[in-house]
């Protein structure tokens, strides 16, 4: 399994982050804990779809995702 990373948006692009949340929920990708269900905090958030792990990283500048190629590509296609 190969891994992939993709930059999603600037950290202050709240519309795109909201859309990312909608896409993840629609694809059945859920956070390991419920406090990440509303928005992404700073740092690393781990999400799962079955046995696959997708991470969302947000710092002061950017939001990006990383995970298995097929899962990252599925998220990007839905965005």
N, C-alpha and C. Protein backbone atom coordinates (compact mmCIF):
# COMPACT_ATOMS: atom_id res chain seq x y z
N UNK A 1 0.85 -1.17 0.00
CA UNK A 1 0.00 0.00 0.00
C UNK A 1 0.90 1.24 0.00
N UNK A 2 0.64 2.13 -0.92
CA UNK A 2 1.41 3.37 -0.97
C UNK A 2 0.63 4.48 -0.28
N UNK A 3 1.38 5.42 0.24
CA UNK A 3 0.79 6.54 0.97
C UNK A 3 0.88 7.80 0.13
N UNK A 4 -0.01 8.72 0.40
CA UNK A 4 -0.08 9.96 -0.35
C UNK A 4 -0.39 11.10 0.62
N UNK A 5 -0.03 12.31 0.22
CA UNK A 5 -0.30 13.51 1.00
C UNK A 5 -0.81 14.57 0.04
N UNK A 6 -1.78 15.37 0.49
CA UNK A 6 -2.32 16.44 -0.35
C UNK A 6 -2.62 17.67 0.49
N UNK A 7 -2.20 18.81 -0.01
CA UNK A 7 -2.56 20.07 0.64
C UNK A 7 -3.99 20.41 0.25
N UNK A 8 -4.79 20.77 1.25
CA UNK A 8 -6.21 21.04 1.02
C UNK A 8 -6.49 22.53 0.91
N UNK A 9 -6.02 23.32 1.88
CA UNK A 9 -6.33 24.74 1.86
C UNK A 9 -5.46 25.47 2.87
N UNK A 10 -5.57 26.80 2.87
CA UNK A 10 -4.93 27.61 3.90
C UNK A 10 -5.69 27.40 5.22
N UNK A 11 -5.00 27.57 6.32
CA UNK A 11 -5.58 27.32 7.63
C UNK A 11 -6.74 28.25 7.98
N UNK A 12 -6.85 29.37 7.28
CA UNK A 12 -7.96 30.29 7.55
C UNK A 12 -9.08 30.20 6.51
N UNK A 13 -9.06 29.17 5.68
CA UNK A 13 -10.10 28.95 4.67
C UNK A 13 -11.19 28.06 5.29
N UNK A 14 -12.03 28.68 6.08
CA UNK A 14 -13.02 27.94 6.85
C UNK A 14 -14.10 27.29 5.96
N UNK A 15 -14.41 27.90 4.83
CA UNK A 15 -15.39 27.31 3.92
C UNK A 15 -14.89 25.96 3.39
N UNK A 16 -13.63 25.91 3.00
CA UNK A 16 -13.07 24.65 2.49
C UNK A 16 -12.95 23.62 3.60
N UNK A 17 -12.58 24.06 4.80
CA UNK A 17 -12.51 23.11 5.92
C UNK A 17 -13.89 22.55 6.24
N UNK A 18 -14.93 23.38 6.18
CA UNK A 18 -16.29 22.89 6.39
C UNK A 18 -16.66 21.87 5.31
N UNK A 19 -16.30 22.17 4.07
CA UNK A 19 -16.57 21.25 2.96
C UNK A 19 -15.81 19.93 3.17
N UNK A 20 -14.56 20.00 3.63
CA UNK A 20 -13.79 18.80 3.91
C UNK A 20 -14.49 17.95 4.97
N UNK A 21 -15.00 18.59 6.03
CA UNK A 21 -15.74 17.86 7.07
C UNK A 21 -16.95 17.15 6.46
N UNK A 22 -17.69 17.83 5.58
CA UNK A 22 -18.86 17.24 4.94
C UNK A 22 -18.47 16.05 4.07
N UNK A 23 -17.40 16.21 3.31
CA UNK A 23 -16.93 15.13 2.43
C UNK A 23 -16.51 13.92 3.25
N UNK A 24 -15.74 14.15 4.30
CA UNK A 24 -15.29 13.04 5.14
C UNK A 24 -16.48 12.28 5.73
N UNK A 25 -17.44 13.01 6.25
CA UNK A 25 -18.64 12.38 6.83
C UNK A 25 -19.40 11.60 5.76
N UNK A 26 -19.53 12.20 4.58
CA UNK A 26 -20.25 11.55 3.49
C UNK A 26 -19.58 10.27 3.01
N UNK A 27 -18.26 10.21 3.15
CA UNK A 27 -17.51 9.02 2.74
C UNK A 27 -17.38 8.00 3.87
N UNK A 28 -17.95 8.31 5.02
CA UNK A 28 -17.88 7.38 6.15
C UNK A 28 -16.55 7.39 6.86
N UNK A 29 -15.81 8.48 6.73
CA UNK A 29 -14.52 8.64 7.40
C UNK A 29 -14.79 9.39 8.69
N UNK A 30 -14.49 8.76 9.82
CA UNK A 30 -14.84 9.33 11.11
C UNK A 30 -13.62 9.46 12.00
N UNK A 31 -13.67 10.43 12.90
CA UNK A 31 -12.59 10.65 13.86
C UNK A 31 -12.58 9.54 14.90
N UNK A 32 -11.41 9.31 15.46
CA UNK A 32 -11.27 8.32 16.53
C UNK A 32 -12.02 8.75 17.78
N UNK A 33 -12.28 10.05 17.93
CA UNK A 33 -12.99 10.55 19.10
C UNK A 33 -13.98 11.62 18.67
N UNK A 34 -15.03 11.80 19.41
CA UNK A 34 -16.13 12.66 18.97
C UNK A 34 -15.83 14.16 19.05
N UNK A 35 -14.82 14.59 19.77
CA UNK A 35 -14.59 16.03 19.87
C UNK A 35 -14.01 16.60 18.58
N UNK A 36 -13.60 15.76 17.64
CA UNK A 36 -13.13 16.24 16.33
C UNK A 36 -14.26 16.31 15.30
N UNK A 37 -15.48 15.98 15.68
CA UNK A 37 -16.56 15.93 14.72
C UNK A 37 -17.00 17.31 14.22
N UNK A 38 -16.74 18.37 14.96
CA UNK A 38 -17.24 19.68 14.55
C UNK A 38 -16.24 20.47 13.72
N UNK A 39 -14.98 20.44 14.08
CA UNK A 39 -13.97 21.17 13.29
C UNK A 39 -12.60 20.63 13.65
N UNK A 40 -11.62 20.92 12.79
CA UNK A 40 -10.27 20.46 13.03
C UNK A 40 -9.53 21.46 13.90
N UNK A 41 -8.94 20.97 14.96
CA UNK A 41 -8.10 21.80 15.79
C UNK A 41 -6.69 21.86 15.21
N UNK A 42 -5.83 22.61 15.85
CA UNK A 42 -4.44 22.63 15.42
C UNK A 42 -3.79 21.30 15.73
N UNK A 43 -2.90 20.89 14.87
CA UNK A 43 -2.19 19.64 15.08
C UNK A 43 -2.74 18.53 14.20
N UNK A 44 -2.53 17.32 14.64
CA UNK A 44 -2.85 16.12 13.88
C UNK A 44 -4.14 15.48 14.38
N UNK A 45 -5.04 15.19 13.46
CA UNK A 45 -6.28 14.49 13.77
C UNK A 45 -6.28 13.18 13.00
N UNK A 46 -6.48 12.06 13.69
CA UNK A 46 -6.57 10.76 13.03
C UNK A 46 -8.02 10.41 12.79
N UNK A 47 -8.29 9.95 11.56
CA UNK A 47 -9.63 9.53 11.18
C UNK A 47 -9.53 8.13 10.60
N UNK A 48 -10.65 7.42 10.55
CA UNK A 48 -10.65 6.05 10.05
C UNK A 48 -11.81 5.81 9.10
N UNK A 49 -11.52 4.95 8.15
CA UNK A 49 -12.55 4.34 7.31
C UNK A 49 -12.20 2.87 7.27
N UNK A 50 -12.95 2.09 8.02
CA UNK A 50 -12.59 0.67 8.17
C UNK A 50 -11.25 0.56 8.84
N UNK A 51 -10.33 -0.15 8.21
CA UNK A 51 -9.00 -0.31 8.79
C UNK A 51 -8.00 0.70 8.24
N UNK A 52 -8.46 1.61 7.38
CA UNK A 52 -7.57 2.63 6.81
C UNK A 52 -7.55 3.86 7.70
N UNK A 53 -6.38 4.46 7.85
CA UNK A 53 -6.22 5.66 8.66
C UNK A 53 -5.90 6.84 7.75
N UNK A 54 -6.62 7.92 7.95
CA UNK A 54 -6.37 9.18 7.25
C UNK A 54 -6.04 10.21 8.32
N UNK A 55 -5.01 11.00 8.09
CA UNK A 55 -4.70 12.06 9.03
C UNK A 55 -4.96 13.40 8.39
N UNK A 56 -5.43 14.33 9.21
CA UNK A 56 -5.59 15.72 8.81
C UNK A 56 -4.65 16.51 9.70
N UNK A 57 -3.79 17.30 9.06
CA UNK A 57 -2.86 18.13 9.81
C UNK A 57 -3.20 19.59 9.55
N UNK A 58 -3.33 20.35 10.62
CA UNK A 58 -3.61 21.79 10.50
C UNK A 58 -2.64 22.54 11.40
N UNK A 59 -1.94 23.50 10.80
CA UNK A 59 -1.11 24.39 11.60
C UNK A 59 -1.54 25.82 11.29
N UNK A 60 -0.72 26.80 11.59
CA UNK A 60 -1.10 28.20 11.38
C UNK A 60 -1.21 28.57 9.91
N UNK A 61 -0.68 27.73 9.00
CA UNK A 61 -0.62 28.10 7.58
C UNK A 61 -1.46 27.23 6.68
N UNK A 62 -1.54 25.93 6.96
CA UNK A 62 -2.11 25.01 5.96
C UNK A 62 -2.88 23.87 6.62
N UNK A 63 -3.77 23.29 5.82
CA UNK A 63 -4.46 22.05 6.20
C UNK A 63 -4.11 21.02 5.13
N UNK A 64 -3.63 19.86 5.56
CA UNK A 64 -3.37 18.80 4.59
C UNK A 64 -3.86 17.47 5.11
N UNK A 65 -3.99 16.52 4.18
CA UNK A 65 -4.40 15.16 4.54
C UNK A 65 -3.32 14.19 4.08
N UNK A 66 -3.25 13.04 4.74
CA UNK A 66 -2.31 12.00 4.35
C UNK A 66 -2.92 10.65 4.68
N UNK A 67 -2.60 9.68 3.85
CA UNK A 67 -3.09 8.33 4.07
C UNK A 67 -2.87 7.47 2.85
N UNK A 68 -3.52 6.31 2.80
CA UNK A 68 -3.39 5.44 1.65
C UNK A 68 -3.84 6.15 0.37
N UNK A 69 -3.15 5.88 -0.73
CA UNK A 69 -3.45 6.53 -2.01
C UNK A 69 -4.94 6.52 -2.34
N UNK A 70 -5.57 5.36 -2.26
CA UNK A 70 -6.97 5.28 -2.67
C UNK A 70 -7.88 6.12 -1.80
N UNK A 71 -7.59 6.19 -0.51
CA UNK A 71 -8.43 7.00 0.39
C UNK A 71 -8.22 8.49 0.16
N UNK A 72 -6.99 8.91 0.02
CA UNK A 72 -6.69 10.33 -0.26
C UNK A 72 -7.33 10.72 -1.59
N UNK A 73 -7.19 9.88 -2.61
CA UNK A 73 -7.79 10.19 -3.92
C UNK A 73 -9.31 10.24 -3.86
N UNK A 74 -9.92 9.39 -3.03
CA UNK A 74 -11.37 9.41 -2.87
C UNK A 74 -11.82 10.74 -2.26
N UNK A 75 -11.09 11.22 -1.26
CA UNK A 75 -11.43 12.49 -0.63
C UNK A 75 -11.24 13.63 -1.63
N UNK A 76 -10.14 13.64 -2.35
CA UNK A 76 -9.88 14.71 -3.31
C UNK A 76 -10.93 14.73 -4.41
N UNK A 77 -11.35 13.58 -4.89
CA UNK A 77 -12.36 13.52 -5.94
C UNK A 77 -13.69 14.07 -5.45
N UNK A 78 -14.01 13.82 -4.19
CA UNK A 78 -15.28 14.30 -3.63
C UNK A 78 -15.26 15.79 -3.31
N UNK A 79 -14.06 16.33 -3.07
CA UNK A 79 -13.96 17.76 -2.78
C UNK A 79 -14.24 18.55 -4.04
